[in-house]
Amino acid sequence: MRPLRLRTGLLLAFLLPALALAATAGWFGYRGARAALVEELRRSLASQAAVAASQVNGERMLLVVPGDDSVGGRVWRNLSGFLEEVRTASGARRVFAVDREGRVRADTGRHERGTLLPGSTLPVGAELPELMQDRTELEEVWAGRPSASQVLFEGLDGQLYLRGYAPVRTSSGEVVGAVGLEGSAAFFVPLRQFALRAAAAAVVAAVVLAALALLCAAALARPLRRLMQGALRIGRGDLTTPVATGSPLLEVAVLARELEAMRAALDGRDRQLKMMLAGVAHEVRNPLGGIELFGGLLEEELAQGTPEARSHVARIQGEVAYLKRIVEDFLAYAREQRLQVAPLDARQWLSDAAAHLEGEARGRNVPLQVEAEEAGLLADAGMLTAALVNLVKNAVQASPAGHTVRVRGRREEGRYVVEVEDSGSGIPPEVQARIWEPFFTTREKGTGLGLPLARKLVEAHGGRLTLTSRPGGTVARLELPVLSAGRVPRGAA
């Protein structure tokens, strides 16, 4: 799983709980308010219907028969006029009276936005289809109790409505019909507006929280980033650059202070080790010079001596040369790498490095093949050549006779990549884990500083050195930044 950035983590930590809480509270609040308002509307409509039904005489309502609305019968006129008065006084959309069979006895028609909708008034004796939706509520009405529909319905004007019912009784108390009243749920308009305003407020709050999260992340990330950069520098071997310790956060300040103390301790030990290596190398170098000198004089004096004597002198000189190489490697590894950078032609660099090993490669019958694209580097030619020569030498020594060592250079995504490939037996996995350790070697006469020194020189140029090995071959991959204006490698003088 890919780790989150601090900024992203804080943003999620701030926003997700806040948005979840706001959404949950808003949803429950809206649903609760909606349910409460619907229930209040149901009670109101049922009460208004009950008041109207109490003033309707059941016997007289049953006297209204089909056709009365056409001829304008007096009982129908009185009942219709009364229902219209109720509709006007209550602001209802529609008021009607029906018998127990659901047939209309009087109907005001549907009024939306204060206007009677054409064709909405049902004639006497017609069945009211809306009653089929409220059969449960009408069962309560026939039992003598006011009721109201449970489900809101939408009118042609886009408004929501509910129906309230109340029983119409005869003088003996028998329920013979019902008065129905359709009322508008006009409160949904401000409720929806409130919901929209709440949503807008939640968006504003989310933006404010996001801004706060980013500010907090910036305040936390800045010292942590400096701390991370310091740790990375230490991990790369840069023990000279101090770790920034100033931070307003106590925990970060303590961590930075301890990391700086660790860097200083490591730097001190590293300096002591380098001084020790340099001292040992210098102490060994002085007698080596004398041995080499007197070995040369002895060779001249034994020029006419026996072959055995001359072979002994040659053996002494060979061993002295080997000791000198060890001393030079020690000194090179212990020395601070101060680069003298200058523009360097990559193709020429590869050719020069291969030329250093032509004699040894020819003696081992290992052909050298160089393929290089043109590119400009900013580098210390001597140090970079020493690193590449080391890699090519290892490849030549690992390759069987007749097998070619290939040195390839090419541009790749703003970097110059050099690959040195051999066809040897490869490096065992248990050895691969230790090849970058100083003084680790599997050769009888090896210092174990070749690869660590090559990596140190490459990294001093801002590059990267890796090695991939398998049975049948090894590839050393060297990556360097190409020449760019204003860029100077780390460690340059």
Protein backbone atom coordinates (compact mmCIF):
# COMPACT_ATOMS: atom_id res chain seq x y z
CA MET A 1 0.00 0.00 0.00
CA ARG A 2 1.38 3.35 -1.00
CA PRO A 3 1.86 5.65 2.04
CA LEU A 4 -0.17 8.87 2.19
CA ARG A 5 1.40 12.27 2.15
CA LEU A 6 0.95 14.22 5.38
CA ARG A 7 -1.12 16.87 3.59
CA THR A 8 -3.46 14.27 2.10
CA GLY A 9 -3.78 12.43 5.41
CA LEU A 10 -4.67 15.57 7.36
CA LEU A 11 -7.08 16.65 4.64
CA LEU A 12 -8.87 13.33 4.89
CA ALA A 13 -8.72 13.35 8.68
CA PHE A 14 -10.33 16.80 8.80
CA LEU A 15 -12.83 16.47 5.99
CA LEU A 16 -14.14 12.91 6.11
CA PRO A 17 -15.42 12.96 9.73
CA ALA A 18 -16.76 16.51 9.33
CA LEU A 19 -18.53 15.74 6.07
CA ALA A 20 -19.86 12.44 7.39
CA LEU A 21 -21.15 14.15 10.53
CA ALA A 22 -22.67 17.03 8.57
CA ALA A 23 -24.28 14.71 6.03
CA THR A 24 -25.68 12.42 8.74
CA ALA A 25 -26.95 15.30 10.87
CA GLY A 26 -28.40 17.04 7.82
CA TRP A 27 -30.12 13.92 6.56
CA PHE A 28 -31.63 13.03 9.93
CA GLY A 29 -32.55 16.67 10.55
CA TYR A 30 -34.25 16.99 7.17
CA ARG A 31 -36.09 13.69 7.53
CA GLY A 32 -37.15 14.52 11.07
CA ALA A 33 -38.40 17.98 10.13
CA ARG A 34 -40.19 16.59 7.09
CA ALA A 35 -41.89 13.85 9.12
CA ALA A 36 -42.93 16.29 11.83
CA LEU A 37 -44.34 18.78 9.31
CA VAL A 38 -46.19 16.04 7.41
CA GLU A 39 -47.73 14.76 10.63
CA GLU A 40 -48.75 18.29 11.62
CA LEU A 41 -50.33 18.80 8.17
CA ARG A 42 -52.23 15.50 8.53
CA ARG A 43 -53.66 16.57 11.90
CA SER A 44 -54.54 19.99 10.54
CA LEU A 45 -56.31 18.63 7.46
CA ALA A 46 -58.14 16.00 9.50
CA SER A 47 -59.28 18.70 11.97
CA GLN A 48 -60.42 21.04 9.19
CA ALA A 49 -62.27 18.19 7.51
CA ALA A 50 -63.90 17.30 10.84
CA VAL A 51 -65.08 20.89 11.37
CA ALA A 52 -66.55 21.01 7.86
CA ALA A 53 -68.14 17.55 8.15
CA SER A 54 -69.78 18.48 11.44
CA GLN A 55 -71.78 21.15 9.63
CA VAL A 56 -72.97 18.85 6.84
CA ASN A 57 -76.30 17.09 7.42
CA GLY A 58 -76.02 13.48 6.34
CA GLU A 59 -79.69 13.09 5.38
CA ARG A 60 -79.65 16.20 3.22
CA MET A 61 -76.37 15.19 1.54
CA LEU A 62 -77.94 11.90 0.47
CA LEU A 63 -80.76 13.84 -1.18
CA VAL A 64 -78.26 15.08 -3.80
CA VAL A 65 -78.64 12.85 -6.84
CA PRO A 66 -77.03 12.77 -10.30
CA GLY A 67 -78.27 15.64 -12.46
CA ASP A 68 -78.73 18.08 -9.58
CA ASP A 69 -75.56 19.87 -10.60
CA SER A 70 -76.97 20.29 -14.12
CA VAL A 71 -80.30 21.74 -13.05
CA GLY A 72 -78.88 23.55 -10.05
CA GLY A 73 -80.88 21.81 -7.36
CA ARG A 74 -81.20 23.76 -4.14
CA VAL A 75 -79.70 21.11 -1.82
CA TRP A 76 -76.75 20.64 -4.20
CA ARG A 77 -76.27 24.42 -4.42
CA ASN A 78 -76.25 24.79 -0.65
CA LEU A 79 -73.80 21.92 -0.16
CA SER A 80 -71.50 23.08 -2.98
CA GLY A 81 -71.60 26.66 -1.72
CA PHE A 82 -70.70 25.56 1.77
CA LEU A 83 -67.79 23.45 0.54
CA GLU A 84 -66.51 26.37 -1.54
CA GLU A 85 -66.62 28.61 1.55
CA VAL A 86 -64.62 25.99 3.45
CA ARG A 87 -62.09 25.78 0.59
CA THR A 88 -61.68 29.56 0.45
CA ALA A 89 -61.38 29.94 4.22
CA SER A 90 -58.86 27.11 4.62
CA GLY A 91 -56.87 27.81 1.45
CA ALA A 92 -57.39 24.21 0.43
CA ARG A 93 -56.82 22.99 -3.10
CA ARG A 94 -60.09 21.07 -3.21
CA VAL A 95 -63.03 20.15 -0.96
CA PHE A 96 -65.52 17.43 -1.79
CA ALA A 97 -68.26 15.33 -0.23
CA VAL A 98 -68.75 11.65 -1.09
CA ASP A 99 -71.00 8.86 0.06
CA ARG A 100 -69.80 5.51 1.37
CA GLU A 101 -69.65 4.09 -2.15
CA GLY A 102 -67.15 6.78 -3.10
CA ARG A 103 -69.54 8.66 -5.40
CA VAL A 104 -69.34 12.44 -5.47
CA ARG A 105 -72.23 14.42 -3.97
CA ALA A 106 -70.51 17.82 -4.26
CA ASP A 107 -67.08 18.95 -5.50
CA THR A 108 -65.38 22.35 -5.64
CA GLY A 109 -62.86 21.16 -8.26
CA ARG A 110 -59.09 21.58 -8.05
CA HIS A 111 -57.73 25.06 -7.55
CA GLU A 112 -54.03 25.63 -8.10
CA ARG A 113 -52.41 29.05 -7.67
CA GLY A 114 -55.89 30.48 -7.01
CA THR A 115 -57.34 29.28 -10.36
CA LEU A 116 -59.89 26.53 -10.96
CA LEU A 117 -58.41 23.92 -13.27
CA PRO A 118 -60.75 23.32 -16.23
CA GLY A 119 -62.51 19.96 -16.16
CA SER A 120 -61.39 19.22 -12.61
CA THR A 121 -64.90 19.41 -11.05
CA LEU A 122 -66.50 15.98 -11.00
CA PRO A 123 -70.27 15.65 -11.62
CA VAL A 124 -72.63 14.28 -8.99
CA GLY A 125 -72.57 10.49 -8.95
CA ALA A 126 -69.09 10.17 -10.45
CA GLU A 127 -66.55 8.03 -8.67
CA LEU A 128 -63.54 9.82 -7.23
CA PRO A 129 -60.46 7.78 -8.37
CA GLU A 130 -58.18 9.33 -5.72
CA LEU A 131 -60.11 7.46 -3.02
CA MET A 132 -58.55 4.19 -4.16
CA GLN A 133 -55.20 5.44 -2.84
CA ASP A 134 -56.63 6.14 0.60
CA ARG A 135 -58.69 3.04 1.30
CA THR A 136 -57.00 2.46 4.66
CA GLU A 137 -57.71 6.03 5.78
CA LEU A 138 -61.33 5.79 4.62
CA GLU A 139 -61.79 2.63 6.69
CA GLU A 140 -61.05 4.78 9.74
CA VAL A 141 -63.51 7.42 8.50
CA TRP A 142 -66.29 4.84 8.06
CA ALA A 143 -65.50 3.77 11.61
CA GLY A 144 -66.28 7.34 12.71
CA ARG A 145 -62.75 8.78 13.09
CA PRO A 146 -61.13 11.63 11.13
CA SER A 147 -58.05 10.61 9.19
CA ALA A 148 -55.54 11.86 6.63
CA SER A 149 -53.57 10.22 3.83
CA GLN A 150 -50.05 9.00 4.56
CA VAL A 151 -48.46 9.71 1.18
CA LEU A 152 -47.92 13.12 -0.36
CA PHE A 153 -48.91 13.55 -3.98
CA GLU A 154 -47.84 16.16 -6.50
CA GLY A 155 -50.21 18.49 -8.32
CA LEU A 156 -49.89 19.88 -11.81
CA ASP A 157 -48.30 22.99 -10.30
CA GLY A 158 -45.46 20.92 -8.88
CA GLN A 159 -46.62 21.44 -5.27
CA LEU A 160 -47.11 18.58 -2.82
CA TYR A 161 -50.55 17.90 -1.30
CA LEU A 162 -52.26 15.72 1.31
CA ARG A 163 -55.93 14.76 1.81
CA GLY A 164 -57.80 14.93 5.10
CA TYR A 165 -61.10 13.11 5.71
CA ALA A 166 -63.86 13.30 8.30
CA PRO A 167 -67.14 11.35 8.59
CA VAL A 168 -70.51 12.87 7.69
CA ARG A 169 -73.23 11.64 10.01
CA THR A 170 -76.98 11.60 10.06
CA SER A 171 -78.92 12.95 12.99
CA SER A 172 -78.88 9.45 14.44
CA GLY A 173 -75.07 9.32 14.28
CA GLU A 174 -74.79 6.94 11.33
CA VAL A 175 -71.81 7.59 9.07
CA VAL A 176 -73.16 7.98 5.53
CA GLY A 177 -70.30 9.75 3.80
CA ALA A 178 -67.20 11.83 4.18
CA VAL A 179 -65.88 15.31 3.56
CA GLY A 180 -62.44 15.34 1.93
CA LEU A 181 -60.07 18.28 1.91
CA GLU A 182 -56.85 18.52 -0.12
CA GLY A 183 -54.28 20.81 1.49
CA SER A 184 -50.99 22.07 0.19
CA ALA A 185 -47.70 21.06 1.80
CA ALA A 186 -46.35 24.53 1.10
CA PHE A 187 -43.86 24.17 3.91
CA PHE A 188 -41.75 21.94 1.64
CA VAL A 189 -40.63 24.98 -0.35
CA PRO A 190 -38.88 26.67 2.61
CA LEU A 191 -37.80 23.24 3.86
CA ARG A 192 -36.10 22.54 0.54
CA GLN A 193 -34.60 26.01 0.57
CA PHE A 194 -33.34 25.36 4.07
CA ALA A 195 -31.83 22.05 2.90
CA LEU A 196 -30.10 23.83 0.01
CA ARG A 197 -28.78 26.53 2.35
CA ALA A 198 -27.59 23.84 4.74
CA ALA A 199 -25.83 22.07 1.87
CA ALA A 200 -24.22 25.34 0.80
CA ALA A 201 -23.13 25.95 4.40
CA ALA A 202 -21.67 22.44 4.51
CA VAL A 203 -19.70 23.15 1.32
CA VAL A 204 -18.40 26.41 2.80
CA ALA A 205 -17.51 24.59 6.02
CA ALA A 206 -15.71 21.90 4.00
CA VAL A 207 -13.71 24.56 2.15
CA VAL A 208 -12.81 26.23 5.47
CA LEU A 209 -11.84 22.87 6.98
CA ALA A 210 -9.78 22.05 3.90
CA ALA A 211 -7.98 25.38 4.21
CA LEU A 212 -7.33 24.72 7.91
CA ALA A 213 -6.12 21.21 7.09
CA LEU A 214 -3.73 22.57 4.46
CA LEU A 215 -2.43 25.22 6.87
CA CYS A 216 -1.89 22.62 9.58
CA ALA A 217 -0.30 20.26 7.07
CA ALA A 218 2.02 23.01 5.88
CA ALA A 219 2.97 23.87 9.47
CA LEU A 220 3.68 20.20 10.21
CA ALA A 221 5.12 19.17 6.86
CA ARG A 222 7.73 21.94 6.63
CA PRO A 223 9.82 20.85 9.68
CA LEU A 224 9.13 17.18 8.96
CA ARG A 225 10.28 17.64 5.36
CA ARG A 226 13.51 19.25 6.59
CA LEU A 227 13.92 16.34 9.00
CA MET A 228 13.28 13.83 6.20
CA GLN A 229 15.78 15.55 3.92
CA GLY A 230 18.37 15.44 6.70
CA ALA A 231 17.75 11.73 7.25
CA LEU A 232 18.03 11.06 3.52
CA ARG A 233 21.32 12.96 3.35
CA ILE A 234 22.67 10.90 6.23
CA GLY A 235 21.45 7.72 4.51
CA ARG A 236 23.31 8.74 1.34
CA GLY A 237 26.49 9.22 3.32
CA ASP A 238 26.48 13.03 3.61
CA LEU A 239 27.53 13.48 7.23
CA THR A 240 28.80 17.06 6.92
CA THR A 241 25.54 18.97 6.35
CA PRO A 242 23.87 19.78 9.70
CA VAL A 243 20.24 18.82 10.32
CA ALA A 244 17.98 21.86 10.83
CA THR A 245 16.78 21.75 14.45
CA GLY A 246 14.58 24.85 14.69
CA SER A 247 10.89 23.87 14.94
CA PRO A 248 7.94 25.27 16.92
CA LEU A 249 6.70 21.69 17.50
CA LEU A 250 8.29 20.15 20.58
CA GLU A 251 8.27 16.56 19.34
CA VAL A 252 9.76 17.50 15.97
CA ALA A 253 12.36 19.71 17.63
CA VAL A 254 13.43 16.86 19.94
CA LEU A 255 13.60 14.43 17.03
CA ALA A 256 15.63 16.89 14.94
CA ARG A 257 18.01 17.55 17.84
CA GLU A 258 18.60 13.83 18.36
CA LEU A 259 19.07 13.26 14.63
CA GLU A 260 21.63 16.09 14.51
CA ALA A 261 23.44 14.58 17.49
CA MET A 262 23.49 11.22 15.72
CA ARG A 263 24.82 12.87 12.52
CA ALA A 264 27.56 14.63 14.45
CA ALA A 265 28.55 11.39 16.17
CA LEU A 266 28.61 9.48 12.89
CA ASP A 267 30.57 12.29 11.25
CA GLY A 268 33.12 12.19 14.06
CA ARG A 269 33.52 8.44 13.80
CA ASP A 270 33.75 8.65 10.02
CA ARG A 271 36.46 11.30 10.26
CA GLN A 272 38.36 9.21 12.79
CA LEU A 273 38.12 6.15 10.56
CA LYS A 274 39.32 8.10 7.53
CA MET A 275 42.16 9.60 9.53
CA MET A 276 43.11 6.15 10.72
CA LEU A 277 43.00 4.75 7.19
CA ALA A 278 45.00 7.67 5.85
CA GLY A 279 47.52 7.37 8.68
CA VAL A 280 47.95 3.64 8.17
CA ALA A 281 48.26 4.12 4.43
CA HIS A 282 50.87 6.83 4.83
CA GLU A 283 52.83 4.77 7.35
CA VAL A 284 52.81 1.81 4.96
CA ARG A 285 53.58 3.95 1.92
CA ASN A 286 56.89 5.26 3.29
CA PRO A 287 58.63 1.87 3.75
CA LEU A 288 57.06 0.68 0.50
CA GLY A 289 58.88 3.46 -1.31
CA GLY A 290 62.16 2.34 0.19
CA ILE A 291 61.49 -1.33 -0.63
CA GLU A 292 60.65 -0.39 -4.21
CA LEU A 293 63.81 1.69 -4.53
CA PHE A 294 66.14 -0.94 -3.12
CA GLY A 295 64.36 -3.65 -5.10
CA GLY A 296 65.19 -1.72 -8.27
CA LEU A 297 68.81 -1.33 -7.23
CA LEU A 298 68.99 -5.03 -6.38
CA GLU A 299 67.61 -5.90 -9.79
CA GLU A 300 70.34 -3.85 -11.47
CA GLU A 301 73.03 -5.53 -9.41
CA LEU A 302 71.63 -8.99 -10.19
CA ALA A 303 71.22 -8.27 -13.87
CA GLN A 304 73.93 -10.82 -14.60
CA GLY A 305 72.88 -13.18 -11.83
CA THR A 306 71.02 -16.45 -11.95
CA PRO A 307 67.47 -16.66 -13.34
CA GLU A 308 66.22 -17.72 -9.91
CA ALA A 309 67.56 -14.53 -8.32
CA ARG A 310 65.98 -12.38 -11.00
CA SER A 311 62.62 -14.16 -10.51
CA HIS A 312 62.80 -13.50 -6.78
CA VAL A 313 63.39 -9.79 -7.44
CA ALA A 314 60.47 -9.74 -9.91
CA ARG A 315 58.28 -11.38 -7.28
CA ILE A 316 59.28 -8.73 -4.73
CA GLN A 317 58.49 -5.94 -7.17
CA GLY A 318 55.11 -7.50 -8.04
CA GLU A 319 54.13 -7.74 -4.40
CA VAL A 320 55.27 -4.14 -3.81
CA ALA A 321 53.12 -2.99 -6.75
CA TYR A 322 50.15 -4.84 -5.27
CA LEU A 323 50.72 -3.21 -1.86
CA LYS A 324 50.98 0.18 -3.53
CA ARG A 325 47.60 -0.37 -5.21
CA ILE A 326 46.06 -1.30 -1.87
CA VAL A 327 47.46 1.85 -0.28
CA GLU A 328 46.19 3.98 -3.17
CA ASP A 329 42.72 2.44 -2.83
CA PHE A 330 42.71 3.10 0.90
CA LEU A 331 43.73 6.70 0.39
CA ALA A 332 41.20 7.24 -2.39
CA TYR A 333 38.36 5.83 -0.27
CA ALA A 334 39.33 7.76 2.86
CA ARG A 335 39.89 11.05 1.06
CA GLU A 336 37.08 13.62 0.77
CA GLN A 337 36.07 13.73 -2.88
CA ARG A 338 36.42 17.35 -4.04
CA LEU A 339 35.47 17.42 -7.68
CA GLN A 340 37.12 19.62 -10.27
CA VAL A 341 34.23 19.66 -12.70
CA ALA A 342 34.34 20.61 -16.34
CA PRO A 343 32.31 19.76 -19.45
CA LEU A 344 32.95 16.16 -20.47
CA ASP A 345 32.06 14.42 -23.73
CA ALA A 346 30.31 11.17 -22.78
CA ARG A 347 31.38 9.24 -25.88
CA GLN A 348 35.05 10.20 -25.38
CA TRP A 349 34.82 9.31 -21.70
CA LEU A 350 33.63 5.77 -22.47
CA SER A 351 36.32 5.32 -25.14
CA ASP A 352 39.08 6.51 -22.78
CA ALA A 353 37.94 4.19 -19.99
CA ALA A 354 37.86 1.20 -22.33
CA ALA A 355 41.31 2.12 -23.68
CA HIS A 356 42.77 1.75 -20.17
CA LEU A 357 41.72 -1.93 -20.14
CA GLU A 358 42.54 -2.89 -23.75
CA GLY A 359 45.84 -4.50 -22.82
CA GLU A 360 44.41 -6.61 -19.99
CA ALA A 361 41.35 -7.52 -22.10
CA ARG A 362 43.54 -8.59 -25.01
CA GLY A 363 45.68 -10.69 -22.69
CA ARG A 364 42.55 -12.50 -21.44
CA ASN A 365 41.12 -12.82 -24.99
CA VAL A 366 38.04 -10.79 -23.95
CA PRO A 367 36.96 -8.36 -26.70
CA LEU A 368 35.75 -4.91 -25.59
CA GLN A 369 32.81 -3.39 -27.48
CA VAL A 370 31.88 0.28 -26.89
CA GLU A 371 28.61 1.80 -28.15
CA ALA A 372 27.91 5.35 -26.99
CA GLU A 373 25.46 8.10 -27.88
CA GLU A 374 26.67 11.68 -27.79
CA ALA A 375 25.94 13.67 -24.63
CA GLY A 376 27.51 16.38 -22.51
CA LEU A 377 28.31 15.81 -18.84
CA LEU A 378 29.57 18.14 -16.12
CA ALA A 379 32.08 16.02 -14.23
CA ASP A 380 35.55 15.43 -12.87
CA ALA A 381 36.92 13.41 -15.78
CA GLY A 382 39.65 11.71 -13.74
CA MET A 383 37.37 10.49 -10.96
CA LEU A 384 34.57 9.42 -13.27
CA THR A 385 37.01 7.56 -15.49
CA ALA A 386 38.46 5.79 -12.43
CA ALA A 387 34.95 4.63 -11.46
CA LEU A 388 34.15 3.34 -14.96
CA VAL A 389 37.56 1.67 -15.35
CA ASN A 390 36.85 -0.23 -12.13
CA LEU A 391 33.53 -1.50 -13.51
CA VAL A 392 35.01 -2.48 -16.86
CA LYS A 393 37.94 -4.21 -15.15
CA ASN A 394 35.58 -6.28 -13.02
CA ALA A 395 33.64 -7.26 -16.16
CA VAL A 396 36.82 -8.25 -18.03
CA GLN A 397 38.05 -10.35 -15.11
CA ALA A 398 34.65 -12.07 -14.78
CA SER A 399 34.24 -12.91 -18.49
CA PRO A 400 35.41 -16.23 -19.94
CA ALA A 401 37.87 -16.11 -22.83
CA GLY A 402 36.22 -15.31 -26.13
CA HIS A 403 33.22 -13.61 -24.56
CA THR A 404 32.69 -9.90 -25.27
CA VAL A 405 32.32 -7.20 -22.61
CA ARG A 406 29.88 -4.55 -23.83
CA VAL A 407 29.98 -0.94 -22.70
CA ARG A 408 26.87 0.98 -23.81
CA GLY A 409 25.98 4.62 -23.22
CA ARG A 410 22.64 6.30 -24.07
CA ARG A 411 20.33 9.13 -23.09
CA GLU A 412 17.32 8.10 -21.04
CA GLU A 413 14.77 10.56 -19.54
CA GLY A 414 17.21 13.38 -18.90
CA ARG A 415 19.96 11.08 -17.63
CA TYR A 416 22.96 9.47 -19.29
CA VAL A 417 22.92 5.72 -18.65
CA VAL A 418 26.05 3.57 -18.99
CA GLU A 419 25.76 -0.21 -18.83
CA VAL A 420 28.76 -2.51 -18.51
CA GLU A 421 27.71 -6.08 -19.33
CA ASP A 422 29.75 -9.27 -19.05
CA SER A 423 28.98 -12.94 -19.72
CA GLY A 424 30.48 -14.40 -16.59
CA SER A 425 28.98 -16.85 -14.13
CA GLY A 426 27.24 -14.10 -12.20
CA ILE A 427 27.41 -13.14 -8.52
CA PRO A 428 25.80 -15.51 -5.98
CA PRO A 429 22.78 -13.96 -4.17
CA GLU A 430 24.45 -14.18 -0.76
CA VAL A 431 27.42 -12.21 -2.13
CA GLN A 432 25.25 -9.62 -3.92
CA ALA A 433 23.93 -8.43 -0.56
CA ARG A 434 27.45 -7.44 0.53
CA ILE A 435 29.19 -6.19 -2.63
CA TRP A 436 28.83 -2.54 -1.58
CA GLU A 437 30.42 -3.10 1.84
CA PRO A 438 33.92 -1.60 2.10
CA PHE A 439 36.71 -4.23 2.38
CA PHE A 440 34.39 -7.12 1.44
CA THR A 441 35.92 -9.22 -1.35
CA THR A 442 35.88 -12.79 -2.64
CA ARG A 443 39.17 -12.46 -4.49
CA GLU A 444 42.44 -13.59 -3.00
CA LYS A 445 44.14 -10.30 -3.85
CA GLY A 446 41.37 -7.76 -3.64
CA THR A 447 40.90 -4.77 -1.36
CA GLY A 448 37.11 -4.82 -1.40
CA LEU A 449 37.09 -1.09 -2.13
CA GLY A 450 36.58 -1.12 -5.91
CA LEU A 451 32.77 -1.08 -6.07
CA PRO A 452 32.24 1.06 -2.92
CA LEU A 453 34.75 3.61 -4.25
CA ALA A 454 33.09 3.60 -7.70
CA ARG A 455 29.67 4.19 -6.11
CA LYS A 456 31.11 6.97 -3.94
CA LEU A 457 32.58 8.73 -6.99
CA VAL A 458 29.36 8.35 -9.00
CA GLU A 459 27.16 9.64 -6.15
CA ALA A 460 29.51 12.60 -5.71
CA HIS A 461 28.48 13.54 -9.28
CA GLY A 462 24.78 13.28 -8.38
CA GLY A 463 24.49 9.91 -10.07
CA ARG A 464 23.49 6.38 -9.18
CA LEU A 465 25.28 3.04 -9.52
CA THR A 466 23.44 -0.30 -9.40
CA LEU A 467 24.36 -3.86 -10.25
CA THR A 468 22.17 -6.70 -11.52
CA SER A 469 23.53 -10.22 -11.70
CA ARG A 470 22.22 -13.60 -12.76
CA PRO A 471 23.79 -16.88 -13.84
CA GLY A 472 25.33 -16.13 -17.22
CA GLY A 473 26.05 -12.42 -16.81
CA THR A 474 26.22 -9.25 -14.76
CA VAL A 475 25.19 -5.69 -15.70
CA ALA A 476 26.56 -2.65 -13.88
CA ARG A 477 24.28 0.34 -14.53
CA LEU A 478 25.59 3.85 -14.01
CA GLU A 479 23.24 6.86 -14.27
CA LEU A 480 24.46 10.46 -14.46
CA PRO A 481 22.67 13.78 -15.02
CA VAL A 482 23.35 15.30 -18.42
CA LEU A 483 24.95 18.73 -18.68
CA SER A 484 22.54 21.56 -17.76
CA ALA A 485 23.18 25.23 -17.14
CA GLY A 486 23.73 26.22 -13.53
CA ARG A 487 23.95 22.64 -12.22
CA VAL A 488 27.06 21.69 -10.26
CA PRO A 489 27.53 18.16 -8.81
CA ARG A 490 27.58 17.74 -5.05
CA GLY A 491 31.15 17.92 -3.76
CA ALA A 492 32.41 20.13 -6.58
CA ALA A 493 35.08 22.64 -5.70
